[in-house]
């Protein structure tokens, strides 16, 4: 799966219509992925439920990056932010069912994330 791939950096499922159930399965792998930097979920028929699954991944990876930055700052005095693993970009255009509730889920988790666009 995607966890075993060390070369996969960008994952595009644009207009694959995986829906919330497919995204939940994908999120299980993304949560632990060290190598995937960007994911395109445009037109994947996602709703607010899918946004919450993705928000959980963002939060989990954010905590991992904070821990890694703290550890590096102790060891090297200054963390190398460009070397941090995890998602850097998520694209979720053309998913009208995300609605306000999905936007709120993203906004809540992204307000403290310094790495993700």
C-alpha atoms as a PDB file:
ATOM      1  CA  UNK A   1       0.000   0.000   0.000  1.00  0.00           C
ATOM      2  CA  UNK A   2       0.899   3.640   0.188  1.00  0.00           C
ATOM      3  CA  UNK A   3       2.690   3.183   3.496  1.00  0.00           C
ATOM      4  CA  UNK A   4       5.300   0.943   1.900  1.00  0.00           C
ATOM      5  CA  UNK A   5       6.045   3.293  -0.997  1.00  0.00           C
ATOM      6  CA  UNK A   6       9.087   5.468  -0.434  1.00  0.00           C
ATOM      7  CA  UNK A   7       8.889   7.139  -3.855  1.00  0.00           C
ATOM      8  CA  UNK A   8       5.233   8.232  -3.984  1.00  0.00           C
ATOM      9  CA  UNK A   9       5.173  11.973  -3.264  1.00  0.00           C
ATOM     10  CA  UNK A  10       2.024  13.234  -4.994  1.00  0.00           C
ATOM     11  CA  UNK A  11      -1.252  11.319  -4.993  1.00  0.00           C
ATOM     12  CA  UNK A  12      -4.002  12.500  -7.330  1.00  0.00           C
ATOM     13  CA  UNK A  13      -7.437  10.915  -7.152  1.00  0.00           C
ATOM     14  CA  UNK A  14      -9.036  13.785  -9.036  1.00  0.00           C
ATOM     15  CA  UNK A  15     -12.625  12.943 -10.061  1.00  0.00           C
ATOM     16  CA  UNK A  16     -12.308   9.336  -8.870  1.00  0.00           C
ATOM     17  CA  UNK A  17     -15.480   9.664  -6.768  1.00  0.00           C
ATOM     18  CA  UNK A  18     -14.095   7.667  -3.858  1.00  0.00           C
ATOM     19  CA  UNK A  19     -16.602   9.274  -1.503  1.00  0.00           C
ATOM     20  CA  UNK A  20     -16.319   9.447   2.260  1.00  0.00           C
ATOM     21  CA  UNK A  21     -15.853   5.700   2.704  1.00  0.00           C
ATOM     22  CA  UNK A  22     -12.969   5.600   0.257  1.00  0.00           C
ATOM     23  CA  UNK A  23     -11.409   8.629   1.906  1.00  0.00           C
ATOM     24  CA  UNK A  24     -11.642   6.985   5.334  1.00  0.00           C
ATOM     25  CA  UNK A  25      -9.659   4.026   3.998  1.00  0.00           C
ATOM     26  CA  UNK A  26      -7.150   6.350   2.344  1.00  0.00           C
ATOM     27  CA  UNK A  27      -6.787   8.388   5.540  1.00  0.00           C
ATOM     28  CA  UNK A  28      -5.664   5.317   7.465  1.00  0.00           C
ATOM     29  CA  UNK A  29      -2.648   5.130   5.167  1.00  0.00           C
ATOM     30  CA  UNK A  30      -2.087   8.877   4.894  1.00  0.00           C
ATOM     31  CA  UNK A  31      -2.033   9.259   8.656  1.00  0.00           C
ATOM     32  CA  UNK A  32       1.213   7.303   8.935  1.00  0.00           C
ATOM     33  CA  UNK A  33       2.714   8.189   5.557  1.00  0.00           C
ATOM     34  CA  UNK A  34       6.074   9.917   5.771  1.00  0.00           C
ATOM     35  CA  UNK A  35       6.575  10.409   2.039  1.00  0.00           C
ATOM     36  CA  UNK A  36       3.347  11.704   0.490  1.00  0.00           C
ATOM     37  CA  UNK A  37       3.558  15.495   0.279  1.00  0.00           C
ATOM     38  CA  UNK A  38       0.403  16.341  -1.638  1.00  0.00           C
ATOM     39  CA  UNK A  39      -2.968  14.811  -2.317  1.00  0.00           C
ATOM     40  CA  UNK A  40      -5.564  15.953  -4.844  1.00  0.00           C
ATOM     41  CA  UNK A  41      -9.107  14.976  -3.898  1.00  0.00           C
ATOM     42  CA  UNK A  42     -10.915  17.287  -6.313  1.00  0.00           C
ATOM     43  CA  UNK A  43     -14.276  15.989  -7.470  1.00  0.00           C
ATOM     44  CA  UNK A  44     -14.172  12.913  -5.230  1.00  0.00           C
ATOM     45  CA  UNK A  45     -17.778  13.242  -3.944  1.00  0.00           C
ATOM     46  CA  UNK A  46     -16.698  14.154  -0.424  1.00  0.00           C
ATOM     47  CA  UNK A  47     -19.012  15.476   2.272  1.00  0.00           C
ATOM     48  CA  UNK A  48     -18.440  16.952   5.730  1.00  0.00           C
ATOM     49  CA  UNK A  49     -17.839  13.417   7.034  1.00  0.00           C
ATOM     50  CA  UNK A  50     -14.887  13.086   4.663  1.00  0.00           C
ATOM     51  CA  UNK A  51     -13.587  16.490   5.733  1.00  0.00           C
ATOM     52  CA  UNK A  52     -13.585  15.308   9.336  1.00  0.00           C
ATOM     53  CA  UNK A  53     -11.581  12.202   8.383  1.00  0.00           C
ATOM     54  CA  UNK A  54      -9.046  14.336   6.564  1.00  0.00           C
ATOM     55  CA  UNK A  55      -8.960  16.836   9.438  1.00  0.00           C
ATOM     56  CA  UNK A  56      -7.995  13.987  11.786  1.00  0.00           C
ATOM     57  CA  UNK A  57      -5.041  13.170   9.504  1.00  0.00           C
ATOM     58  CA  UNK A  58      -3.977  16.820   9.416  1.00  0.00           C
ATOM     59  CA  UNK A  59      -4.137  17.042  13.201  1.00  0.00           C
ATOM     60  CA  UNK A  60      -2.203  13.796  13.686  1.00  0.00           C
ATOM     61  CA  UNK A  61       0.538  14.772  11.254  1.00  0.00           C
ATOM     62  CA  UNK A  62       0.710  18.261  12.756  1.00  0.00           C
ATOM     63  CA  UNK A  63       1.396  16.803  16.187  1.00  0.00           C
ATOM     64  CA  UNK A  64       4.077  14.555  14.698  1.00  0.00           C
ATOM     65  CA  UNK A  65       5.749  17.554  13.022  1.00  0.00           C
ATOM     66  CA  UNK A  66       5.650  19.589  16.228  1.00  0.00           C
ATOM     67  CA  UNK A  67       7.300  16.720  18.101  1.00  0.00           C
ATOM     68  CA  UNK A  68       9.905  16.327  15.373  1.00  0.00           C
ATOM     69  CA  UNK A  69      10.627  20.081  15.338  1.00  0.00           C
ATOM     70  CA  UNK A  70      10.965  20.121  19.116  1.00  0.00           C
ATOM     71  CA  UNK A  71      13.324  17.130  19.056  1.00  0.00           C
ATOM     72  CA  UNK A  72      15.427  18.703  16.282  1.00  0.00           C
ATOM     73  CA  UNK A  73      15.573  22.033  18.085  1.00  0.00           C
ATOM     74  CA  UNK A  74      17.025  20.295  21.128  1.00  0.00           C
ATOM     75  CA  UNK A  75      19.505  18.315  19.071  1.00  0.00           C
ATOM     76  CA  UNK A  76      20.514  20.814  16.372  1.00  0.00           C
ATOM     77  CA  UNK A  77      19.274  24.082  17.933  1.00  0.00           C
ATOM     78  CA  UNK A  78      17.179  24.820  14.873  1.00  0.00           C
ATOM     79  CA  UNK A  79      14.747  22.429  13.165  1.00  0.00           C
ATOM     80  CA  UNK A  80      14.936  21.934   9.411  1.00  0.00           C
ATOM     81  CA  UNK A  81      11.329  22.748   8.518  1.00  0.00           C
ATOM     82  CA  UNK A  82      11.803  21.852   4.845  1.00  0.00           C
ATOM     83  CA  UNK A  83      12.746  18.319   5.845  1.00  0.00           C
ATOM     84  CA  UNK A  84       9.562  17.716   7.850  1.00  0.00           C
ATOM     85  CA  UNK A  85       7.522  14.758   6.658  1.00  0.00           C
ATOM     86  CA  UNK A  86       3.820  14.502   5.917  1.00  0.00           C
ATOM     87  CA  UNK A  87       1.273  16.353   3.844  1.00  0.00           C
ATOM     88  CA  UNK A  88       2.115  19.854   2.633  1.00  0.00           C
ATOM     89  CA  UNK A  89      -0.759  20.402   0.213  1.00  0.00           C
ATOM     90  CA  UNK A  90      -4.343  19.149   0.001  1.00  0.00           C
ATOM     91  CA  UNK A  91      -6.600  20.052  -2.913  1.00  0.00           C
ATOM     92  CA  UNK A  92     -10.314  19.383  -2.511  1.00  0.00           C
ATOM     93  CA  UNK A  93     -11.988  21.481  -5.222  1.00  0.00           C
ATOM     94  CA  UNK A  94     -15.315  20.500  -6.806  1.00  0.00           C
ATOM     95  CA  UNK A  95     -16.716  18.777  -3.713  1.00  0.00           C
ATOM     96  CA  UNK A  96     -19.900  20.801  -3.133  1.00  0.00           C
ATOM     97  CA  UNK A  97     -21.193  18.384  -0.487  1.00  0.00           C
ATOM     98  CA  UNK A  98     -18.359  19.451   1.850  1.00  0.00           C
ATOM     99  CA  UNK A  99     -20.494  22.472   2.676  1.00  0.00           C
ATOM    100  CA  UNK A 100     -20.026  24.807   5.618  1.00  0.00           C
ATOM    101  CA  UNK A 101     -19.592  21.960   8.088  1.00  0.00           C
ATOM    102  CA  UNK A 102     -16.689  20.500   6.098  1.00  0.00           C
ATOM    103  CA  UNK A 103     -15.126  23.934   5.677  1.00  0.00           C
ATOM    104  CA  UNK A 104     -15.357  24.435   9.441  1.00  0.00           C
ATOM    105  CA  UNK A 105     -13.633  21.086  10.065  1.00  0.00           C
ATOM    106  CA  UNK A 106     -10.764  22.138   7.787  1.00  0.00           C
ATOM    107  CA  UNK A 107     -10.556  25.664   9.208  1.00  0.00           C
ATOM    108  CA  UNK A 108     -10.467  24.421  12.788  1.00  0.00           C
ATOM    109  CA  UNK A 109      -7.558  22.061  12.217  1.00  0.00           C
ATOM    110  CA  UNK A 110      -5.654  24.333   9.814  1.00  0.00           C
ATOM    111  CA  UNK A 111      -5.633  27.387  12.060  1.00  0.00           C
ATOM    112  CA  UNK A 112      -2.670  25.980  14.008  1.00  0.00           C
ATOM    113  CA  UNK A 113      -0.911  24.134  11.174  1.00  0.00           C
ATOM    114  CA  UNK A 114       2.178  25.947   9.888  1.00  0.00           C
ATOM    115  CA  UNK A 115       3.109  23.483   7.152  1.00  0.00           C
ATOM    116  CA  UNK A 116      -0.010  22.684   5.173  1.00  0.00           C
ATOM    117  CA  UNK A 117      -1.387  24.793   2.307  1.00  0.00           C
END
